[in-house]
């Protein structure tokens, strides 16, 4: 249930920003520990257990108040790239 709340709030925050560059079926997320970088990922990743672990970490760190105005994931960019690369190969 908490993952759905994170996404619902992040998606509604994204509607307030310029989200026209996010293709249908994708989601923009901000990743990084100090400097945040924006990534656009397929919505299908949200069903993956490894990605859901990242969402739980985001909830623990930020609750439902994401400082970038969109979903912020508190992990290194290298870890995120490795995880999404492995998901893309499935």
N, C-alpha and C. Protein backbone atom coordinates (compact mmCIF):
# COMPACT_ATOMS: atom_id res chain seq x y z
N UNK A 1 0.83 -1.20 0.00
CA UNK A 1 0.00 0.00 0.00
C UNK A 1 0.86 1.25 0.00
N UNK A 2 1.96 1.26 0.75
CA UNK A 2 2.81 2.44 0.83
C UNK A 2 3.44 2.77 -0.53
N UNK A 3 3.80 1.77 -1.29
CA UNK A 3 4.39 2.00 -2.61
C UNK A 3 3.38 2.73 -3.49
N UNK A 4 2.13 2.33 -3.42
CA UNK A 4 1.10 2.99 -4.22
C UNK A 4 0.94 4.45 -3.80
N UNK A 5 1.04 4.72 -2.50
CA UNK A 5 0.94 6.10 -2.01
C UNK A 5 2.11 6.93 -2.51
N UNK A 6 3.32 6.37 -2.48
CA UNK A 6 4.50 7.08 -2.99
C UNK A 6 4.28 7.44 -4.45
N UNK A 7 3.86 6.47 -5.24
CA UNK A 7 3.69 6.69 -6.67
C UNK A 7 2.59 7.69 -6.95
N UNK A 8 1.46 7.57 -6.23
CA UNK A 8 0.34 8.47 -6.47
C UNK A 8 0.77 9.91 -6.20
N UNK A 9 1.47 10.14 -5.10
CA UNK A 9 1.91 11.49 -4.77
C UNK A 9 2.99 11.97 -5.72
N UNK A 10 3.89 11.09 -6.12
CA UNK A 10 4.95 11.49 -7.04
C UNK A 10 4.39 11.79 -8.42
N UNK A 11 3.44 11.00 -8.86
CA UNK A 11 2.83 11.25 -10.17
C UNK A 11 2.05 12.55 -10.16
N UNK A 12 1.36 12.85 -9.07
CA UNK A 12 0.62 14.10 -9.04
C UNK A 12 1.57 15.29 -8.95
N UNK A 13 2.71 15.14 -8.29
CA UNK A 13 3.72 16.21 -8.25
C UNK A 13 4.31 16.41 -9.63
N UNK A 14 4.49 15.32 -10.37
CA UNK A 14 5.05 15.42 -11.71
C UNK A 14 4.13 16.14 -12.67
N UNK A 15 2.83 16.11 -12.44
CA UNK A 15 1.89 16.82 -13.31
C UNK A 15 2.03 18.32 -13.16
N UNK A 16 2.51 18.77 -12.00
CA UNK A 16 2.72 20.19 -11.80
C UNK A 16 3.98 20.68 -12.51
N UNK A 17 4.94 19.77 -12.74
CA UNK A 17 6.17 20.16 -13.42
C UNK A 17 6.02 19.90 -14.92
N UNK A 18 7.05 20.21 -15.65
CA UNK A 18 7.03 19.99 -17.10
C UNK A 18 7.34 18.53 -17.38
N UNK A 19 6.31 17.71 -17.47
CA UNK A 19 6.51 16.28 -17.66
C UNK A 19 6.21 15.84 -19.09
N UNK A 20 6.24 16.77 -20.02
CA UNK A 20 5.93 16.42 -21.40
C UNK A 20 7.02 15.60 -22.06
N UNK A 21 8.21 15.55 -21.48
CA UNK A 21 9.29 14.78 -22.08
C UNK A 21 9.36 13.35 -21.55
N UNK A 22 8.36 12.92 -20.81
CA UNK A 22 8.30 11.55 -20.32
C UNK A 22 7.30 10.79 -21.19
N UNK A 23 7.79 9.79 -21.93
CA UNK A 23 6.89 9.05 -22.81
C UNK A 23 5.82 8.28 -22.03
N UNK A 24 4.72 8.04 -22.67
CA UNK A 24 3.65 7.26 -22.07
C UNK A 24 4.20 5.90 -21.65
N UNK A 25 3.81 5.46 -20.47
CA UNK A 25 4.28 4.17 -19.97
C UNK A 25 5.61 4.25 -19.24
N UNK A 26 6.08 5.47 -18.98
CA UNK A 26 7.34 5.67 -18.29
C UNK A 26 7.16 6.63 -17.12
N UNK A 27 8.17 6.71 -16.27
CA UNK A 27 8.15 7.54 -15.08
C UNK A 27 9.52 8.18 -14.91
N UNK A 28 9.55 9.45 -14.60
CA UNK A 28 10.82 10.12 -14.30
C UNK A 28 11.12 9.98 -12.81
N UNK A 29 12.35 9.61 -12.50
CA UNK A 29 12.80 9.51 -11.11
C UNK A 29 14.12 10.25 -10.98
N UNK A 30 14.40 10.69 -9.77
CA UNK A 30 15.65 11.38 -9.47
C UNK A 30 16.47 10.46 -8.57
N UNK A 31 17.73 10.25 -8.95
CA UNK A 31 18.57 9.27 -8.27
C UNK A 31 19.89 9.91 -7.87
N UNK A 32 20.34 9.56 -6.68
CA UNK A 32 21.65 10.02 -6.23
C UNK A 32 21.65 10.26 -4.75
N UNK A 33 22.84 10.26 -4.18
CA UNK A 33 22.96 10.49 -2.75
C UNK A 33 23.16 11.96 -2.44
N UNK A 34 23.99 12.64 -3.21
CA UNK A 34 24.15 14.09 -3.00
C UNK A 34 23.64 14.83 -4.24
N UNK A 35 24.27 14.60 -5.37
CA UNK A 35 23.80 15.22 -6.62
C UNK A 35 22.78 14.29 -7.27
N UNK A 36 21.61 14.81 -7.57
CA UNK A 36 20.54 13.99 -8.15
C UNK A 36 20.55 14.08 -9.67
N UNK A 37 20.35 12.93 -10.31
CA UNK A 37 20.26 12.87 -11.77
C UNK A 37 18.89 12.29 -12.12
N UNK A 38 18.31 12.81 -13.17
CA UNK A 38 16.97 12.39 -13.60
C UNK A 38 17.10 11.22 -14.58
N UNK A 39 16.31 10.18 -14.33
CA UNK A 39 16.23 9.01 -15.21
C UNK A 39 14.77 8.81 -15.58
N UNK A 40 14.52 8.31 -16.77
CA UNK A 40 13.17 7.95 -17.20
C UNK A 40 13.15 6.43 -17.36
N UNK A 41 12.26 5.79 -16.62
CA UNK A 41 12.22 4.34 -16.59
C UNK A 41 10.83 3.84 -17.00
N UNK A 42 10.75 2.62 -17.51
CA UNK A 42 9.44 2.03 -17.83
C UNK A 42 8.65 1.75 -16.55
N UNK A 43 7.35 1.95 -16.61
CA UNK A 43 6.49 1.67 -15.46
C UNK A 43 6.56 0.20 -15.04
N UNK A 44 6.89 -0.69 -15.97
CA UNK A 44 6.96 -2.12 -15.66
C UNK A 44 7.98 -2.43 -14.56
N UNK A 45 8.99 -1.56 -14.38
CA UNK A 45 9.99 -1.77 -13.33
C UNK A 45 9.36 -1.72 -11.95
N UNK A 46 8.24 -1.04 -11.81
CA UNK A 46 7.60 -0.89 -10.51
C UNK A 46 7.11 -2.22 -9.94
N UNK A 47 6.93 -3.21 -10.80
CA UNK A 47 6.48 -4.53 -10.35
C UNK A 47 7.63 -5.42 -9.92
N UNK A 48 8.85 -5.00 -10.16
CA UNK A 48 10.03 -5.82 -9.85
C UNK A 48 10.41 -5.71 -8.38
N UNK A 49 10.62 -6.84 -7.70
CA UNK A 49 10.96 -6.81 -6.27
C UNK A 49 12.21 -5.96 -5.96
N UNK A 50 13.23 -6.02 -6.79
CA UNK A 50 14.43 -5.21 -6.53
C UNK A 50 14.12 -3.73 -6.59
N UNK A 51 13.27 -3.33 -7.53
CA UNK A 51 12.92 -1.92 -7.64
C UNK A 51 12.01 -1.51 -6.48
N UNK A 52 11.15 -2.41 -6.06
CA UNK A 52 10.28 -2.12 -4.92
C UNK A 52 11.10 -1.90 -3.65
N UNK A 53 12.24 -2.59 -3.53
CA UNK A 53 13.13 -2.34 -2.39
C UNK A 53 13.64 -0.90 -2.42
N UNK A 54 13.98 -0.39 -3.60
CA UNK A 54 14.41 1.00 -3.72
C UNK A 54 13.29 1.96 -3.34
N UNK A 55 12.07 1.62 -3.73
CA UNK A 55 10.93 2.47 -3.36
C UNK A 55 10.72 2.50 -1.85
N UNK A 56 10.93 1.37 -1.20
CA UNK A 56 10.81 1.34 0.26
C UNK A 56 11.89 2.20 0.91
N UNK A 57 13.10 2.18 0.35
CA UNK A 57 14.17 3.04 0.87
C UNK A 57 13.80 4.51 0.68
N UNK A 58 13.19 4.82 -0.46
CA UNK A 58 12.76 6.21 -0.71
C UNK A 58 11.72 6.63 0.32
N UNK A 59 10.79 5.73 0.64
CA UNK A 59 9.76 6.05 1.63
C UNK A 59 10.39 6.27 3.00
N UNK A 60 11.36 5.42 3.37
CA UNK A 60 12.02 5.57 4.68
C UNK A 60 12.76 6.90 4.77
N UNK A 61 13.42 7.30 3.69
CA UNK A 61 14.23 8.51 3.72
C UNK A 61 13.40 9.79 3.59
N UNK A 62 12.42 9.78 2.67
CA UNK A 62 11.70 11.00 2.35
C UNK A 62 10.24 11.00 2.78
N UNK A 63 9.72 9.85 3.17
CA UNK A 63 8.28 9.78 3.42
C UNK A 63 7.57 10.06 2.11
N UNK A 64 6.62 10.97 2.15
CA UNK A 64 5.89 11.30 0.92
C UNK A 64 6.22 12.71 0.44
N UNK A 65 7.29 13.28 0.97
CA UNK A 65 7.71 14.62 0.58
C UNK A 65 9.03 14.52 -0.18
N UNK A 66 8.95 14.44 -1.49
CA UNK A 66 10.15 14.28 -2.30
C UNK A 66 10.68 15.65 -2.69
N UNK A 67 11.92 15.96 -2.31
CA UNK A 67 12.47 17.30 -2.49
C UNK A 67 12.59 17.75 -3.94
N UNK A 68 12.68 16.85 -4.87
CA UNK A 68 12.84 17.23 -6.27
C UNK A 68 11.49 17.45 -6.96
N UNK A 69 10.40 17.22 -6.24
CA UNK A 69 9.08 17.37 -6.84
C UNK A 69 8.62 16.12 -7.57
N UNK A 70 9.46 15.15 -7.67
CA UNK A 70 9.15 13.87 -8.29
C UNK A 70 9.72 12.77 -7.40
N UNK A 71 9.58 11.56 -7.81
CA UNK A 71 10.06 10.43 -7.03
C UNK A 71 11.59 10.49 -6.95
N UNK A 72 12.11 10.56 -5.73
CA UNK A 72 13.55 10.62 -5.48
C UNK A 72 13.99 9.32 -4.83
N UNK A 73 15.01 8.69 -5.41
CA UNK A 73 15.49 7.41 -4.90
C UNK A 73 16.88 7.61 -4.32
N UNK A 74 17.04 7.34 -3.02
CA UNK A 74 18.31 7.60 -2.34
C UNK A 74 19.29 6.43 -2.46
N UNK A 75 19.91 6.31 -3.61
CA UNK A 75 20.97 5.32 -3.78
C UNK A 75 21.98 5.90 -4.77
N UNK A 76 23.10 5.25 -4.89
CA UNK A 76 24.09 5.76 -5.83
C UNK A 76 23.59 5.58 -7.26
N UNK A 77 24.02 6.46 -8.12
CA UNK A 77 23.62 6.35 -9.52
C UNK A 77 24.16 5.07 -10.14
N UNK A 78 25.35 4.63 -9.73
CA UNK A 78 25.92 3.38 -10.24
C UNK A 78 25.05 2.19 -9.88
N UNK A 79 24.60 2.13 -8.63
CA UNK A 79 23.72 1.04 -8.21
C UNK A 79 22.43 1.05 -9.02
N UNK A 80 21.85 2.24 -9.19
CA UNK A 80 20.60 2.36 -9.95
C UNK A 80 20.79 1.91 -11.40
N UNK A 81 21.87 2.33 -12.02
CA UNK A 81 22.14 1.95 -13.41
C UNK A 81 22.35 0.44 -13.51
N UNK A 82 23.07 -0.15 -12.58
CA UNK A 82 23.27 -1.61 -12.59
C UNK A 82 21.93 -2.34 -12.44
N UNK A 83 21.10 -1.86 -11.51
CA UNK A 83 19.80 -2.51 -11.28
C UNK A 83 18.90 -2.39 -12.52
N UNK A 84 18.79 -1.19 -13.07
CA UNK A 84 17.91 -1.02 -14.23
C UNK A 84 18.46 -1.74 -15.46
N UNK A 85 19.77 -1.84 -15.57
CA UNK A 85 20.36 -2.60 -16.69
C UNK A 85 20.01 -4.07 -16.57
N UNK A 86 20.05 -4.61 -15.36
CA UNK A 86 19.68 -6.01 -15.19
C UNK A 86 18.19 -6.24 -15.44
N UNK A 87 17.36 -5.26 -15.06
CA UNK A 87 15.92 -5.38 -15.35
C UNK A 87 15.65 -5.29 -16.84
N UNK A 88 16.39 -4.48 -17.55
CA UNK A 88 16.19 -4.32 -18.99
C UNK A 88 16.55 -5.59 -19.76
N UNK A 89 17.44 -6.40 -19.21
CA UNK A 89 17.86 -7.65 -19.88
C UNK A 89 16.85 -8.76 -19.70
N UNK A 90 15.90 -8.59 -18.81
CA UNK A 90 14.92 -9.67 -18.56
C UNK A 90 13.92 -9.80 -19.65
